[in-house]
Amino acid sequence: MKKRLLSILLCVPLLILCACGRETTQQTTTSEPAPNTVWVTFPEGKTVLQIAQLLEENGVCSAAGFLQAVRDSESDYAAALRGQDRPFLLEGYVFPDTYEFYKNESPSMALSRFLTNFSGKFSDGEQARARELGMTTDEVLALASIIQAEAGIPSEMPKVSAVLHNRLRSGMKLQCDATYYYLEKTVMPYLCPDGWDDAVYEKYADLYYTYRFAGLPQGAICNPGSDAIHAALYPADSDDLYFVTDADGNYYYSPTYEQHQQVCRQIGR
């Protein structure tokens, strides 16, 4: 009797250990490994170059690889722009949003995610509205990119858009500082990494620097979000031709140069 009781007492811990082992094994085999993906958010107004750098920083693909994919894209958007002098062929089309990527994804696959999203955002309604305005998709994006850069506040975007539309209709130069900064801080450092080149600057200044010519720049100067694109398509109803901001970020609009000068004096600009 004592021997049987001892055997039972010895077996109980073993059964418990075996049960624990089976449970652990079951948990190990049924739990799914975490997918090798990463979520990345791209704020509105980033350039293609900045987006490429964010992709590299998050382990999606190399910045150089993404920029090469932008240059070599076989998308319909790229086909329509091929042959134009642009430092970044698809600037404006790389739609800002939050995306899930595979780690070490191919640059072309990463680019396709942006372009597919843009196609969904700029759909039949937006295209029809662009035609009403007599604008191409590319012209809308160029205008929206300036609105994005000049008016970071969504509530101001339709009013800034109205100023730009009015100047375009009047044959005035847009004279937007954002186009200068794009040329100075993005285009030139990328195209001339070894130092300043006057010939390169003059070439792209004639295409992008809106103090030099009337009309839109050759292409977008950043990748605008939905608010800026909507503002480009639906400007506010106004006759304003000028705007300026004060030190606190308040916007002031004027229909004449004289009124604009007066506002500038009042706010110390």
Protein backbone atom coordinates (compact mmCIF):
# COMPACT_ATOMS: atom_id res chain seq x y z
CA MET A 1 0.00 0.00 0.00
CA LYS A 2 2.83 2.37 0.88
CA LYS A 3 4.61 1.54 -2.39
CA ARG A 4 1.45 2.30 -4.44
CA LEU A 5 0.92 5.61 -2.60
CA LEU A 6 4.56 6.61 -3.20
CA SER A 7 4.22 5.81 -6.91
CA ILE A 8 1.10 7.96 -7.19
CA LEU A 9 2.76 10.87 -5.39
CA LEU A 10 5.76 10.67 -7.73
CA CYS A 11 3.59 10.54 -10.84
CA VAL A 12 1.48 13.62 -10.01
CA PRO A 13 4.34 16.17 -10.38
CA LEU A 14 5.42 14.45 -13.59
CA LEU A 15 1.89 14.73 -15.01
CA ILE A 16 1.78 18.38 -14.04
CA LEU A 17 5.14 19.00 -15.73
CA CYS A 18 4.00 17.15 -18.85
CA ALA A 19 0.77 19.16 -18.96
CA CYS A 20 2.69 22.41 -18.60
CA GLY A 21 5.06 21.33 -21.34
CA ARG A 22 2.18 20.52 -23.70
CA GLU A 23 0.55 23.90 -22.96
CA THR A 24 3.78 25.77 -23.61
CA THR A 25 4.35 23.85 -26.83
CA GLN A 26 0.80 24.56 -27.96
CA GLN A 27 1.17 28.29 -27.29
CA THR A 28 4.45 28.37 -29.18
CA THR A 29 3.12 26.58 -32.22
CA THR A 30 -0.18 28.47 -32.46
CA SER A 31 1.11 32.03 -31.98
CA GLU A 32 1.73 33.77 -35.32
CA PRO A 33 5.07 35.50 -35.82
CA ALA A 34 4.78 39.27 -36.13
CA PRO A 35 4.76 40.27 -39.80
CA ASN A 36 7.90 41.98 -41.01
CA THR A 37 6.13 45.27 -41.73
CA VAL A 38 6.37 48.87 -40.62
CA TRP A 39 3.89 51.74 -40.55
CA VAL A 40 5.19 55.12 -41.72
CA THR A 41 3.39 58.47 -41.68
CA PHE A 42 4.29 61.08 -44.30
CA PRO A 43 3.05 64.59 -43.42
CA GLU A 44 1.54 66.84 -46.06
CA GLY A 45 4.02 69.02 -47.87
CA LYS A 46 7.02 66.69 -47.83
CA THR A 47 9.13 66.59 -50.97
CA VAL A 48 9.99 63.39 -52.82
CA LEU A 49 13.50 63.71 -51.42
CA GLN A 50 12.22 63.91 -47.84
CA ILE A 51 9.88 60.97 -48.43
CA ALA A 52 12.76 58.91 -49.79
CA GLN A 53 14.78 59.69 -46.66
CA LEU A 54 11.88 58.66 -44.39
CA LEU A 55 11.56 55.36 -46.23
CA GLU A 56 15.25 54.65 -45.72
CA GLU A 57 15.14 55.64 -42.03
CA ASN A 58 12.29 53.18 -41.46
CA GLY A 59 13.97 50.28 -43.23
CA VAL A 60 11.57 50.15 -46.18
CA CYS A 61 14.02 50.77 -49.01
CA SER A 62 17.03 52.94 -49.74
CA ALA A 63 16.49 56.60 -50.51
CA ALA A 64 18.54 56.28 -53.68
CA GLY A 65 16.48 53.28 -54.78
CA PHE A 66 13.22 55.14 -54.26
CA LEU A 67 14.44 58.18 -56.18
CA GLN A 68 15.50 55.86 -59.00
CA ALA A 69 12.01 54.29 -58.98
CA VAL A 70 10.51 57.78 -59.26
CA ARG A 71 12.74 58.55 -62.26
CA ASP A 72 12.08 55.21 -63.98
CA SER A 73 8.39 54.86 -63.14
CA GLU A 74 6.27 53.27 -65.86
CA SER A 75 3.03 54.64 -64.40
CA ASP A 76 0.59 56.59 -66.56
CA TYR A 77 1.42 59.69 -64.55
CA ALA A 78 5.12 59.36 -65.36
CA ALA A 79 4.42 58.66 -69.02
CA ALA A 80 2.54 61.96 -69.30
CA LEU A 81 5.47 63.86 -67.79
CA ARG A 82 8.36 62.07 -69.46
CA GLY A 83 10.73 64.40 -71.28
CA GLN A 84 10.05 67.41 -69.06
CA ASP A 85 12.90 69.00 -67.13
CA ARG A 86 12.03 68.06 -63.56
CA PRO A 87 14.46 67.23 -60.78
CA PHE A 88 11.92 64.73 -59.38
CA LEU A 89 9.59 63.42 -62.07
CA LEU A 90 6.61 62.53 -59.84
CA GLU A 91 6.85 65.36 -57.32
CA GLY A 92 3.26 66.08 -56.29
CA TYR A 93 1.93 62.57 -56.96
CA VAL A 94 3.51 60.82 -53.95
CA PHE A 95 0.44 61.22 -51.79
CA PRO A 96 1.07 61.98 -48.08
CA ASP A 97 -0.64 59.51 -45.75
CA THR A 98 0.11 56.66 -43.32
CA TYR A 99 1.22 53.47 -45.07
CA GLU A 100 2.16 49.94 -44.12
CA PHE A 101 5.25 48.62 -45.91
CA TYR A 102 7.26 45.44 -45.81
CA LYS A 103 10.76 45.89 -44.47
CA ASN A 104 13.25 45.85 -47.37
CA GLU A 105 10.42 46.30 -49.85
CA SER A 106 11.28 47.00 -53.47
CA PRO A 107 11.36 50.74 -54.20
CA SER A 108 8.96 50.30 -57.11
CA MET A 109 6.43 48.54 -54.87
CA ALA A 110 6.72 51.32 -52.28
CA LEU A 111 6.14 53.92 -54.98
CA SER A 112 3.10 52.03 -56.30
CA ARG A 113 1.46 52.32 -52.87
CA PHE A 114 1.68 56.11 -53.03
CA LEU A 115 0.44 56.32 -56.61
CA THR A 116 -2.46 53.93 -56.03
CA ASN A 117 -3.56 55.99 -53.06
CA PHE A 118 -3.33 59.19 -55.09
CA SER A 119 -5.45 57.66 -57.85
CA GLY A 120 -8.17 56.95 -55.31
CA LYS A 121 -8.00 60.46 -53.87
CA PHE A 122 -7.92 62.27 -57.24
CA SER A 123 -10.79 60.38 -58.81
CA ASP A 124 -13.55 61.20 -61.30
CA GLY A 125 -15.01 64.11 -59.32
CA GLU A 126 -11.66 65.88 -58.92
CA GLN A 127 -10.77 65.28 -62.57
CA ALA A 128 -14.11 66.70 -63.71
CA ARG A 129 -13.62 69.79 -61.55
CA ALA A 130 -10.11 70.28 -62.96
CA ARG A 131 -11.56 70.23 -66.47
CA GLU A 132 -14.14 72.85 -65.43
CA LEU A 133 -11.26 75.08 -64.39
CA GLY A 134 -9.39 74.38 -67.60
CA MET A 135 -6.55 72.72 -65.70
CA THR A 136 -4.71 69.43 -66.05
CA THR A 137 -4.09 67.12 -63.11
CA ASP A 138 -0.46 68.21 -63.13
CA GLU A 139 -1.40 71.89 -63.01
CA VAL A 140 -3.77 71.27 -60.10
CA LEU A 141 -0.98 69.53 -58.21
CA ALA A 142 1.50 72.31 -58.95
CA LEU A 143 -0.97 74.87 -57.62
CA ALA A 144 -1.93 72.70 -54.64
CA SER A 145 1.73 72.24 -53.73
CA ILE A 146 2.22 76.01 -53.53
CA ILE A 147 -0.96 76.34 -51.44
CA GLN A 148 0.35 73.58 -49.15
CA ALA A 149 3.68 75.32 -48.72
CA GLU A 150 2.31 78.86 -48.37
CA ALA A 151 -0.70 78.09 -46.15
CA GLY A 152 -0.05 75.36 -43.64
CA ILE A 153 -3.43 76.03 -41.99
CA PRO A 154 -6.27 74.26 -43.84
CA SER A 155 -8.74 77.07 -43.07
CA GLU A 156 -6.54 79.55 -44.97
CA MET A 157 -5.98 77.36 -48.00
CA PRO A 158 -9.11 78.34 -50.01
CA LYS A 159 -8.30 82.04 -49.51
CA VAL A 160 -4.67 81.60 -50.54
CA SER A 161 -5.93 79.56 -53.49
CA ALA A 162 -8.21 82.44 -54.51
CA VAL A 163 -5.25 84.85 -54.55
CA LEU A 164 -3.25 82.48 -56.76
CA HIS A 165 -6.15 81.80 -59.13
CA ASN A 166 -6.79 85.54 -59.44
CA ARG A 167 -3.14 86.24 -60.21
CA LEU A 168 -3.05 83.46 -62.80
CA ARG A 169 -6.15 84.84 -64.52
CA SER A 170 -4.69 88.36 -64.46
CA GLY A 171 -1.41 87.25 -66.00
CA MET A 172 0.53 88.30 -62.89
CA LYS A 173 3.55 86.54 -61.52
CA LEU A 174 2.67 84.34 -58.56
CA GLN A 175 5.74 85.58 -56.65
CA CYS A 176 5.58 82.80 -54.06
CA ASP A 177 8.54 82.50 -51.70
CA ALA A 178 7.95 78.75 -51.40
CA THR A 179 9.16 78.24 -54.97
CA TYR A 180 12.43 79.97 -54.11
CA TYR A 181 12.95 77.79 -51.05
CA TYR A 182 12.23 74.64 -53.06
CA LEU A 183 14.88 75.63 -55.57
CA GLU A 184 17.44 76.66 -52.94
CA LYS A 185 16.93 73.96 -50.31
CA THR A 186 15.83 70.92 -52.30
CA VAL A 187 16.68 71.12 -56.00
CA MET A 188 20.15 72.64 -55.86
CA PRO A 189 21.60 70.51 -53.03
CA TYR A 190 20.32 67.38 -54.77
CA LEU A 191 21.52 68.24 -58.28
CA CYS A 192 24.78 69.85 -57.16
CA PRO A 193 26.03 67.87 -54.15
CA ASP A 194 29.62 68.94 -54.80
CA GLY A 195 28.95 72.65 -54.85
CA TRP A 196 26.93 75.45 -56.38
CA ASP A 197 26.57 75.55 -60.16
CA ASP A 198 25.27 78.80 -61.67
CA ALA A 199 24.21 77.14 -64.93
CA VAL A 200 22.07 74.58 -63.10
CA TYR A 201 20.55 77.27 -60.91
CA GLU A 202 19.63 79.46 -63.88
CA LYS A 203 18.09 76.53 -65.72
CA TYR A 204 15.77 75.54 -62.88
CA ALA A 205 15.11 79.09 -61.68
CA ASP A 206 13.55 79.76 -65.08
CA LEU A 207 11.28 76.76 -64.50
CA TYR A 208 10.41 77.04 -60.81
CA TYR A 209 11.15 80.48 -59.39
CA THR A 210 7.80 82.26 -59.70
CA TYR A 211 9.28 85.73 -59.26
CA ARG A 212 10.78 85.31 -62.74
CA PHE A 213 7.73 84.41 -64.82
CA ALA A 214 3.96 84.46 -64.92
CA GLY A 215 2.12 81.17 -64.53
CA LEU A 216 2.72 77.95 -62.66
CA PRO A 217 6.12 76.35 -62.10
CA GLN A 218 7.21 73.40 -64.21
CA GLY A 219 5.80 71.02 -61.61
CA ALA A 220 4.82 70.65 -57.98
CA ILE A 221 7.23 71.81 -55.29
CA CYS A 222 6.06 69.27 -52.69
CA ASN A 223 3.44 66.57 -52.28
CA PRO A 224 0.18 68.23 -51.21
CA GLY A 225 -2.52 66.65 -49.08
CA SER A 226 -6.26 66.48 -49.63
CA ASP A 227 -6.97 69.90 -48.08
CA ALA A 228 -4.58 71.69 -50.42
CA ILE A 229 -5.81 69.79 -53.48
CA HIS A 230 -9.42 70.59 -52.58
CA ALA A 231 -8.49 74.27 -52.12
CA ALA A 232 -6.81 74.34 -55.53
CA LEU A 233 -10.00 73.00 -57.08
CA TYR A 234 -12.40 75.11 -55.01
CA PRO A 235 -10.86 78.52 -54.22
CA ALA A 236 -12.72 81.01 -52.04
CA ASP A 237 -14.81 83.66 -53.75
CA SER A 238 -12.73 86.82 -53.51
CA ASP A 239 -10.98 89.48 -55.58
CA ASP A 240 -7.81 89.42 -53.49
CA LEU A 241 -4.48 89.51 -55.27
CA TYR A 242 -2.12 89.71 -52.29
CA PHE A 243 -1.63 88.08 -48.91
CA VAL A 244 0.87 88.37 -46.11
CA THR A 245 1.33 86.87 -42.66
CA ASP A 246 2.39 88.50 -39.42
CA ALA A 247 4.79 87.16 -36.79
CA ASP A 248 1.97 85.21 -35.12
CA GLY A 249 0.94 83.43 -38.31
CA ASN A 250 -2.19 85.51 -38.97
CA TYR A 251 -3.11 85.97 -42.64
CA TYR A 252 -4.11 89.27 -44.27
CA TYR A 253 -5.57 89.58 -47.77
CA SER A 254 -5.83 92.60 -50.07
CA PRO A 255 -7.30 93.22 -53.54
CA THR A 256 -4.85 96.03 -54.43
CA TYR A 257 -1.15 96.63 -54.03
CA GLU A 258 -1.78 99.87 -52.16
CA GLN A 259 -3.91 98.11 -49.56
CA HIS A 260 -1.32 95.35 -49.35
CA GLN A 261 1.43 97.87 -48.63
CA GLN A 262 -0.70 99.47 -45.94
CA VAL A 263 -1.28 96.12 -44.26
CA CYS A 264 2.44 95.33 -44.43
CA ARG A 265 3.24 98.62 -42.67
CA GLN A 266 0.63 97.92 -39.99
CA ILE A 267 2.00 94.50 -39.15
CA GLY A 268 5.65 95.54 -39.46
CA ARG A 269 6.48 93.60 -42.60
